[in-house]
C-alpha atoms as a PDB file:
ATOM      1  CA  UNK A   1     -20.338  18.110 -13.889  1.00  0.00           C
ATOM      2  CA  UNK A   2     -17.256  16.457 -15.333  1.00  0.00           C
ATOM      3  CA  UNK A   3     -14.428  18.793 -16.211  1.00  0.00           C
ATOM      4  CA  UNK A   4     -12.468  17.966 -19.335  1.00  0.00           C
ATOM      5  CA  UNK A   5      -9.204  19.461 -20.473  1.00  0.00           C
ATOM      6  CA  UNK A   6      -7.219  19.095 -23.659  1.00  0.00           C
ATOM      7  CA  UNK A   7      -3.546  18.199 -24.025  1.00  0.00           C
ATOM      8  CA  UNK A   8      -1.276  16.652 -26.650  1.00  0.00           C
ATOM      9  CA  UNK A   9      -2.812  13.233 -25.904  1.00  0.00           C
ATOM     10  CA  UNK A  10      -6.383  14.404 -26.427  1.00  0.00           C
ATOM     11  CA  UNK A  11      -9.129  15.146 -23.909  1.00  0.00           C
ATOM     12  CA  UNK A  12      -8.766  13.913 -20.363  1.00  0.00           C
ATOM     13  CA  UNK A  13     -11.089  13.861 -17.410  1.00  0.00           C
ATOM     14  CA  UNK A  14     -10.322  15.542 -14.093  1.00  0.00           C
ATOM     15  CA  UNK A  15     -12.172  14.313 -11.016  1.00  0.00           C
ATOM     16  CA  UNK A  16     -13.199  17.271  -8.848  1.00  0.00           C
ATOM     17  CA  UNK A  17     -11.671  17.521  -5.378  1.00  0.00           C
ATOM     18  CA  UNK A  18     -13.808  15.762  -2.808  1.00  0.00           C
ATOM     19  CA  UNK A  19     -15.407  13.356  -5.252  1.00  0.00           C
ATOM     20  CA  UNK A  20     -14.380   9.747  -5.649  1.00  0.00           C
ATOM     21  CA  UNK A  21     -12.813   8.605  -8.883  1.00  0.00           C
ATOM     22  CA  UNK A  22     -14.925   5.461  -8.465  1.00  0.00           C
ATOM     23  CA  UNK A  23     -18.054   7.613  -8.862  1.00  0.00           C
ATOM     24  CA  UNK A  24     -16.648   8.859 -12.157  1.00  0.00           C
ATOM     25  CA  UNK A  25     -16.060   5.249 -13.205  1.00  0.00           C
ATOM     26  CA  UNK A  26     -19.782   4.610 -12.966  1.00  0.00           C
ATOM     27  CA  UNK A  27     -20.270   3.240  -9.459  1.00  0.00           C
ATOM     28  CA  UNK A  28     -23.191   4.683  -7.516  1.00  0.00           C
ATOM     29  CA  UNK A  29     -22.247   7.114  -4.749  1.00  0.00           C
ATOM     30  CA  UNK A  30     -22.573   4.633  -1.868  1.00  0.00           C
ATOM     31  CA  UNK A  31     -20.478   1.959  -3.562  1.00  0.00           C
ATOM     32  CA  UNK A  32     -17.929   4.567  -4.697  1.00  0.00           C
ATOM     33  CA  UNK A  33     -17.404   5.612  -1.065  1.00  0.00           C
ATOM     34  CA  UNK A  34     -16.815   2.013   0.019  1.00  0.00           C
ATOM     35  CA  UNK A  35     -14.350   1.470  -2.836  1.00  0.00           C
ATOM     36  CA  UNK A  36     -12.562   4.687  -1.938  1.00  0.00           C
ATOM     37  CA  UNK A  37     -12.269   3.504   1.673  1.00  0.00           C
ATOM     38  CA  UNK A  38     -10.837   0.197   0.505  1.00  0.00           C
ATOM     39  CA  UNK A  39      -8.316   1.994  -1.715  1.00  0.00           C
ATOM     40  CA  UNK A  40      -7.239   4.188   1.212  1.00  0.00           C
ATOM     41  CA  UNK A  41      -6.790   1.136   3.451  1.00  0.00           C
ATOM     42  CA  UNK A  42      -4.725  -0.586   0.778  1.00  0.00           C
ATOM     43  CA  UNK A  43      -2.540   2.486   0.344  1.00  0.00           C
ATOM     44  CA  UNK A  44      -1.981   2.710   4.111  1.00  0.00           C
ATOM     45  CA  UNK A  45      -0.986  -0.959   4.238  1.00  0.00           C
ATOM     46  CA  UNK A  46       1.411  -0.559   1.287  1.00  0.00           C
ATOM     47  CA  UNK A  47       2.982   2.495   2.943  1.00  0.00           C
ATOM     48  CA  UNK A  48       3.339   0.621   6.247  1.00  0.00           C
ATOM     49  CA  UNK A  49       5.020  -2.329   4.524  1.00  0.00           C
ATOM     50  CA  UNK A  50       7.351   0.078   2.730  1.00  0.00           C
ATOM     51  CA  UNK A  51       8.257   1.946   5.934  1.00  0.00           C
ATOM     52  CA  UNK A  52       9.047  -1.341   7.656  1.00  0.00           C
ATOM     53  CA  UNK A  53      11.187  -2.417   4.700  1.00  0.00           C
ATOM     54  CA  UNK A  54       9.536  -5.833   4.612  1.00  0.00           C
ATOM     55  CA  UNK A  55       9.825  -8.162   1.675  1.00  0.00           C
ATOM     56  CA  UNK A  56       6.530  -9.598   0.470  1.00  0.00           C
ATOM     57  CA  UNK A  57       7.309 -12.824   2.323  1.00  0.00           C
ATOM     58  CA  UNK A  58       8.021 -10.949   5.551  1.00  0.00           C
ATOM     59  CA  UNK A  59       4.876  -8.877   5.111  1.00  0.00           C
ATOM     60  CA  UNK A  60       2.860 -12.061   4.551  1.00  0.00           C
ATOM     61  CA  UNK A  61       4.075 -13.436   7.894  1.00  0.00           C
ATOM     62  CA  UNK A  62       3.232 -10.214   9.712  1.00  0.00           C
ATOM     63  CA  UNK A  63      -0.180  -9.956   8.033  1.00  0.00           C
ATOM     64  CA  UNK A  64      -0.993 -13.627   8.562  1.00  0.00           C
ATOM     65  CA  UNK A  65      -1.591 -14.207   4.874  1.00  0.00           C
ATOM     66  CA  UNK A  66       0.261 -15.526   1.826  1.00  0.00           C
ATOM     67  CA  UNK A  67       2.896 -13.861  -0.332  1.00  0.00           C
ATOM     68  CA  UNK A  68       0.604 -13.911  -3.417  1.00  0.00           C
ATOM     69  CA  UNK A  69      -2.028 -11.982  -1.385  1.00  0.00           C
ATOM     70  CA  UNK A  70       0.625  -9.429  -0.412  1.00  0.00           C
ATOM     71  CA  UNK A  71       1.608  -9.179  -4.074  1.00  0.00           C
ATOM     72  CA  UNK A  72      -2.026  -8.421  -4.985  1.00  0.00           C
ATOM     73  CA  UNK A  73      -2.136  -5.818  -2.208  1.00  0.00           C
ATOM     74  CA  UNK A  74       1.057  -4.156  -3.444  1.00  0.00           C
ATOM     75  CA  UNK A  75      -0.321  -4.059  -6.996  1.00  0.00           C
ATOM     76  CA  UNK A  76      -3.488  -2.350  -5.761  1.00  0.00           C
ATOM     77  CA  UNK A  77      -5.824  -5.176  -6.788  1.00  0.00           C
ATOM     78  CA  UNK A  78      -8.749  -3.652  -4.886  1.00  0.00           C
ATOM     79  CA  UNK A  79     -11.211  -6.188  -6.251  1.00  0.00           C
ATOM     80  CA  UNK A  80      -9.361  -8.940  -4.375  1.00  0.00           C
ATOM     81  CA  UNK A  81      -9.903  -7.458  -0.903  1.00  0.00           C
ATOM     82  CA  UNK A  82     -13.057  -6.726   1.057  1.00  0.00           C
ATOM     83  CA  UNK A  83     -13.157  -3.789   3.448  1.00  0.00           C
ATOM     84  CA  UNK A  84     -13.430  -6.291   6.319  1.00  0.00           C
ATOM     85  CA  UNK A  85     -10.280  -8.139   5.250  1.00  0.00           C
ATOM     86  CA  UNK A  86      -8.327  -4.898   4.865  1.00  0.00           C
ATOM     87  CA  UNK A  87      -9.386  -3.836   8.362  1.00  0.00           C
ATOM     88  CA  UNK A  88      -8.226  -7.191   9.752  1.00  0.00           C
ATOM     89  CA  UNK A  89      -4.882  -6.929   7.954  1.00  0.00           C
ATOM     90  CA  UNK A  90      -4.373  -3.377   9.210  1.00  0.00           C
ATOM     91  CA  UNK A  91      -5.085  -4.493  12.768  1.00  0.00           C
ATOM     92  CA  UNK A  92      -2.614  -7.366  12.507  1.00  0.00           C
ATOM     93  CA  UNK A  93       0.254  -4.949  11.860  1.00  0.00           C
ATOM     94  CA  UNK A  94      -0.784  -2.460  14.519  1.00  0.00           C
ATOM     95  CA  UNK A  95      -2.601   0.094  12.378  1.00  0.00           C
ATOM     96  CA  UNK A  96      -5.802   1.482  13.878  1.00  0.00           C
ATOM     97  CA  UNK A  97      -8.156   2.628  11.109  1.00  0.00           C
ATOM     98  CA  UNK A  98     -11.061   4.789  12.179  1.00  0.00           C
ATOM     99  CA  UNK A  99     -14.378   5.556  10.552  1.00  0.00           C
ATOM    100  CA  UNK A 100     -15.764   9.093  10.470  1.00  0.00           C
ATOM    101  CA  UNK A 101     -19.341   9.746   9.476  1.00  0.00           C
ATOM    102  CA  UNK A 102     -20.424  13.048   8.020  1.00  0.00           C
ATOM    103  CA  UNK A 103     -23.823  14.313   7.005  1.00  0.00           C
END
């Protein structure tokens, strides 16, 4: 059940803890989980780039991609990146993503 609150800007939706915001955006549960995984990978890559202090051009060299692709990554353009590509990019900079399955 969606929880709604009221503030000076009108009603707003709050996604319950443990549920993907992508589910609330209308994606089915399976697709929402994949999108959430992609978003987490993108966030980890952005954080890594920030910790390293790389410019987008430097990050592009390290990731083996182009500066415009790094720009899309930094903007969070999740539609532009498959889960496979994000895993490859993470591996190229030494990150080791893991997958945990739960019932």
